[in-house]
Protein backbone atom coordinates (compact mmCIF):
# COMPACT_ATOMS: atom_id res chain seq x y z
CA UNK A 1 0.00 0.00 0.00
CA UNK A 2 1.17 3.55 -0.67
CA UNK A 3 1.35 6.17 2.04
CA UNK A 4 -2.08 7.90 1.96
CA UNK A 5 -0.39 11.27 2.43
CA UNK A 6 3.15 11.18 0.97
CA UNK A 7 5.34 14.26 0.74
CA UNK A 8 5.45 14.09 -3.05
CA UNK A 9 3.24 12.81 -5.86
CA UNK A 10 5.03 12.45 -9.21
CA UNK A 11 2.63 12.63 -12.16
CA UNK A 12 3.78 11.32 -15.55
CA UNK A 13 1.62 11.22 -18.73
CA UNK A 14 2.68 8.34 -20.99
CA UNK A 15 1.67 7.62 -24.57
CA UNK A 16 3.34 4.63 -26.27
CA UNK A 17 6.44 4.69 -24.07
CA UNK A 18 6.82 0.94 -23.52
CA UNK A 19 10.63 1.03 -23.59
CA UNK A 20 10.91 4.03 -21.27
CA UNK A 21 8.48 3.37 -18.41
CA UNK A 22 10.62 0.65 -16.81
CA UNK A 23 13.80 2.77 -16.59
CA UNK A 24 11.65 5.75 -15.52
CA UNK A 25 10.30 3.91 -12.47
CA UNK A 26 13.78 2.75 -11.49
CA UNK A 27 15.27 6.23 -11.90
CA UNK A 28 12.55 7.82 -9.77
CA UNK A 29 13.12 5.15 -7.12
CA UNK A 30 16.87 5.92 -7.05
CA UNK A 31 16.55 9.71 -7.29
CA UNK A 32 13.81 10.16 -4.68
CA UNK A 33 12.72 7.13 -2.66
CA UNK A 34 16.26 5.97 -1.94
CA UNK A 35 17.02 9.49 -0.70
CA UNK A 36 14.22 9.33 1.86
CA UNK A 37 11.38 11.06 0.00
CA UNK A 38 7.98 9.51 0.75
CA UNK A 39 6.26 9.49 -2.61
CA UNK A 40 3.74 7.99 -4.95
CA UNK A 41 4.31 7.76 -8.68
CA UNK A 42 1.18 8.20 -10.80
CA UNK A 43 1.61 7.23 -14.45
CA UNK A 44 -1.30 8.16 -16.70
CA UNK A 45 -1.50 5.87 -19.71
CA UNK A 46 -2.99 8.22 -22.31
CA UNK A 47 -4.53 5.54 -24.52
CA UNK A 48 -1.33 3.74 -25.54
CA UNK A 49 -1.60 1.00 -28.16
CA UNK A 50 1.72 -0.67 -27.36
CA UNK A 51 2.85 -2.49 -24.19
CA UNK A 52 3.08 0.63 -22.01
CA UNK A 53 0.07 -0.27 -19.84
CA UNK A 54 0.95 -3.96 -19.52
CA UNK A 55 4.51 -3.19 -18.44
CA UNK A 56 3.34 -0.62 -15.89
CA UNK A 57 0.83 -3.02 -14.37
CA UNK A 58 3.52 -5.70 -14.17
CA UNK A 59 5.83 -3.29 -12.32
CA UNK A 60 3.00 -2.38 -9.96
CA UNK A 61 3.42 -5.77 -8.26
CA UNK A 62 7.04 -4.95 -7.39
CA UNK A 63 6.52 -1.26 -6.66
CA UNK A 64 3.40 -0.68 -4.52
CA UNK A 65 4.05 3.08 -4.58
CA UNK A 66 3.31 3.04 -8.33
CA UNK A 67 -0.25 3.96 -9.33
CA UNK A 68 -1.38 3.34 -12.92
CA UNK A 69 -4.43 5.10 -14.32
CA UNK A 70 -5.49 5.35 -17.96
CA UNK A 71 -8.05 5.93 -20.64
CA UNK A 72 -8.97 4.11 -23.83
CA UNK A 73 -7.86 6.81 -26.28
CA UNK A 74 -5.37 9.70 -26.24
CA UNK A 75 -6.78 13.00 -24.98
CA UNK A 76 -3.61 15.06 -24.72
CA UNK A 77 -0.81 15.86 -22.34
CA UNK A 78 -2.62 18.59 -20.40
CA UNK A 79 -5.67 16.41 -19.73
CA UNK A 80 -3.45 13.50 -18.71
CA UNK A 81 -1.65 15.73 -16.21
CA UNK A 82 -5.01 16.87 -14.86
CA UNK A 83 -6.15 13.29 -14.32
CA UNK A 84 -2.93 12.46 -12.48
CA UNK A 85 -3.03 15.54 -10.28
CA UNK A 86 -6.63 14.86 -9.27
CA UNK A 87 -5.55 11.36 -8.22
CA UNK A 88 -2.55 12.61 -6.21
CA UNK A 89 -2.39 12.61 -2.40
CA UNK A 90 0.97 14.34 -1.90
CA UNK A 91 1.62 17.63 -0.11
CA UNK A 92 3.57 18.54 -3.26
CA UNK A 93 3.02 17.47 -6.85
CA UNK A 94 5.75 17.00 -9.45
CA UNK A 95 5.36 16.46 -13.19
CA UNK A 96 7.70 14.76 -15.64
CA UNK A 97 7.65 13.54 -19.22
CA UNK A 98 7.80 9.77 -19.73
CA UNK A 99 10.45 9.90 -22.47
CA UNK A 100 13.41 10.07 -20.02
CA UNK A 101 14.54 13.43 -21.40
CA UNK A 102 13.69 14.96 -18.02
CA UNK A 103 16.05 13.80 -15.27
CA UNK A 104 14.17 12.65 -12.12
CA UNK A 105 17.22 13.63 -10.04
CA UNK A 106 16.32 17.30 -10.63
CA UNK A 107 13.05 16.85 -8.73
CA UNK A 108 14.95 16.31 -5.47
CA UNK A 109 16.67 19.70 -5.71
CA UNK A 110 13.35 21.35 -6.61
CA UNK A 111 11.68 19.75 -3.60
CA UNK A 112 14.42 21.09 -1.34
CA UNK A 113 13.61 24.66 -2.42
CA UNK A 114 10.00 24.14 -1.40
CA UNK A 115 11.02 22.46 1.87
CA UNK A 116 13.10 25.54 2.69
CA UNK A 117 10.07 27.72 1.86
CA UNK A 118 11.97 29.50 -0.91
CA UNK A 119 9.23 28.88 -3.48
CA UNK A 120 5.75 27.46 -3.99
CA UNK A 121 6.42 26.34 -7.56
CA UNK A 122 9.81 25.39 -9.00
CA UNK A 123 9.88 25.30 -12.80
CA UNK A 124 12.64 23.54 -14.73
CA UNK A 125 14.69 25.38 -17.35
CA UNK A 126 16.39 23.20 -19.99
CA UNK A 127 17.62 26.06 -22.16
CA UNK A 128 21.27 25.81 -21.12
CA UNK A 129 21.42 22.13 -22.01
CA UNK A 130 19.39 21.96 -25.22
CA UNK A 131 21.03 21.90 -28.65
CA UNK A 132 18.15 23.08 -30.81
CA UNK A 133 18.51 24.14 -34.44
CA UNK A 134 18.32 27.82 -35.36
CA UNK A 135 14.65 27.86 -36.41
CA UNK A 136 13.53 26.29 -33.15
CA UNK A 137 15.68 28.70 -31.10
CA UNK A 138 14.22 31.70 -32.91
CA UNK A 139 10.65 30.40 -32.48
CA UNK A 140 11.31 29.91 -28.75
CA UNK A 141 12.56 33.48 -28.36
CA UNK A 142 9.51 34.85 -30.20
CA UNK A 143 7.23 32.70 -28.04
CA UNK A 144 8.82 34.00 -24.84
CA UNK A 145 8.37 37.59 -25.98
CA UNK A 146 4.68 37.04 -26.71
CA UNK A 147 4.13 35.31 -23.34
CA UNK A 148 5.87 38.12 -21.50
CA UNK A 149 3.84 40.75 -23.36
CA UNK A 150 0.43 39.08 -23.25
CA UNK A 151 0.40 37.25 -19.91
CA UNK A 152 3.33 38.84 -18.05
CA UNK A 153 5.13 35.51 -17.94
CA UNK A 154 8.93 35.87 -17.60
CA UNK A 155 9.57 32.11 -17.41
CA UNK A 156 12.21 31.06 -19.91
CA UNK A 157 11.21 27.44 -20.56
CA UNK A 158 7.50 26.89 -19.97
CA UNK A 159 7.59 23.81 -22.20
CA UNK A 160 9.69 21.93 -19.65
CA UNK A 161 7.53 19.38 -17.81
CA UNK A 162 9.97 19.00 -14.91
CA UNK A 163 8.48 20.99 -12.02
CA UNK A 164 7.39 20.69 -8.40
CA UNK A 165 4.37 22.55 -6.96
CA UNK A 166 2.62 22.79 -3.64
CA UNK A 167 -0.60 20.81 -3.83
CA UNK A 168 -2.93 23.79 -3.30
CA UNK A 169 -1.74 25.32 -6.56
CA UNK A 170 -1.52 22.10 -8.57
CA UNK A 171 -5.15 21.12 -7.99
CA UNK A 172 -6.40 24.51 -9.26
CA UNK A 173 -4.69 24.29 -12.66
CA UNK A 174 -7.24 24.23 -15.54
CA UNK A 175 -5.45 21.44 -17.35
CA UNK A 176 -8.71 20.15 -18.82
CA UNK A 177 -8.01 22.65 -21.61
CA UNK A 178 -5.57 21.63 -24.35
CA UNK A 179 -2.17 23.29 -24.14
CA UNK A 180 -2.55 24.64 -20.60
CA UNK A 181 0.44 22.63 -19.35
CA UNK A 182 2.63 25.26 -21.06
CA UNK A 183 1.18 27.98 -18.82
CA UNK A 184 1.54 26.33 -15.42
CA UNK A 185 3.97 28.96 -14.02
CA UNK A 186 1.86 31.90 -15.25
CA UNK A 187 -1.36 30.45 -13.86
CA UNK A 188 0.26 29.59 -10.52
CA UNK A 189 1.59 33.14 -10.24
CA UNK A 190 -1.93 34.42 -10.85
CA UNK A 191 -3.06 32.25 -7.91
CA UNK A 192 -0.45 33.93 -5.69
CA UNK A 193 2.33 31.36 -5.88
CA UNK A 194 6.00 32.26 -5.59
CA UNK A 195 7.47 30.82 -8.80
CA UNK A 196 11.16 30.10 -9.20
CA UNK A 197 13.10 28.72 -12.15
CA UNK A 198 15.90 26.19 -11.78
CA UNK A 199 18.30 24.92 -14.46
CA UNK A 200 17.71 21.22 -15.13
CA UNK A 201 19.28 18.47 -17.15
CA UNK A 202 18.01 17.65 -20.65
CA UNK A 203 18.81 14.25 -22.12
CA UNK A 204 18.42 12.91 -25.65
CA UNK A 205 15.56 10.52 -26.33
CA UNK A 206 16.91 6.99 -26.73
CA UNK A 207 13.68 5.03 -27.32
CA UNK A 208 10.30 5.74 -28.88
CA UNK A 209 9.20 8.86 -30.73
CA UNK A 210 7.78 12.23 -29.74
CA UNK A 211 3.97 12.16 -29.52
CA UNK A 212 3.02 15.39 -27.77
CA UNK A 213 5.32 17.92 -29.47
CA UNK A 214 4.07 20.54 -31.93
CA UNK A 215 5.64 21.19 -35.31
CA UNK A 216 7.36 24.50 -35.95
CA UNK A 217 4.64 25.70 -38.33
CA UNK A 218 1.80 24.98 -35.90
CA UNK A 219 3.67 26.05 -32.76
CA UNK A 220 3.41 29.80 -33.43
CA UNK A 221 -0.32 30.17 -34.27
CA UNK A 222 -1.43 27.73 -31.58
CA UNK A 223 0.86 29.34 -29.01
CA UNK A 224 -0.56 32.78 -29.78
CA UNK A 225 -4.13 31.53 -29.41
CA UNK A 226 -3.23 29.89 -26.10
CA UNK A 227 -1.60 33.12 -24.89
CA UNK A 228 -4.75 35.07 -25.68
CA UNK A 229 -6.88 32.51 -23.84
CA UNK A 230 -4.66 32.70 -20.74
CA UNK A 231 -4.67 36.50 -20.92
CA UNK A 232 -8.49 36.40 -20.93
CA UNK A 233 -8.50 34.11 -17.86
CA UNK A 234 -5.94 36.09 -15.86
CA UNK A 235 -7.69 39.41 -16.46
CA UNK A 236 -11.02 38.00 -15.28
CA UNK A 237 -9.80 35.88 -12.40
CA UNK A 238 -11.12 36.77 -8.95
CA UNK A 239 -9.92 35.09 -5.77
CA UNK A 240 -12.89 33.04 -4.46
CA UNK A 241 -11.47 32.64 -0.94
CA UNK A 242 -13.62 33.75 2.01
CA UNK A 243 -13.25 33.43 5.78
CA UNK A 244 -15.75 32.13 8.30
CA UNK A 245 -17.36 35.06 10.15
CA UNK A 246 -18.96 32.93 12.86
CA UNK A 247 -16.45 34.09 15.49
CA UNK A 248 -16.70 37.75 14.47
CA UNK A 249 -20.10 38.27 16.09
């Protein structure tokens, strides 16, 4: 049985990652559990048609802290993250990609920043370790400028899935909407979170193929539309919190 209230829930969407999920579980075990972090790992099988689900369920027998949830057809990375976060019990929630390009060891350093109360959300930044071609680098710079202008988001690498958040912010993220996983830092800041960036490792993919990435031609128009949608939400957001007045009488 998993701890009903672990310190950390790690949420990982997975779509046709049969050759990566085994090493992913072992790396998370070594990077976090073997360093004393009480955790649960929630892998969301986003409608895979390979052996991803079967291999995860087989590992579940050896790793009781692994939780496997899924759906019959792919519904996107944001929605998969939402499903995992709603299942999570941890005081903090981390997200990772399943392709092993994110390094689980970085989550430990992120968690330490939250333990020391230096941040509420720690967002990974892969930019120092990526070797992108010129067109992709230029499109990333343009995207950052639009995000800063439209939604006041100074985060350098919002596309990085490696992050750790306090639970109260994670559960409020509107990840039911496609593409919202790229605006996690901006939305958390709107909710009042202290957001901090941290350089993280970026590793080459060694198995499988990219399923969730956007092409260069579609990245710009879709990113602009998403920015406008987030701008609309942030300008109309009102804090719904209220205090009990029973003792004020």
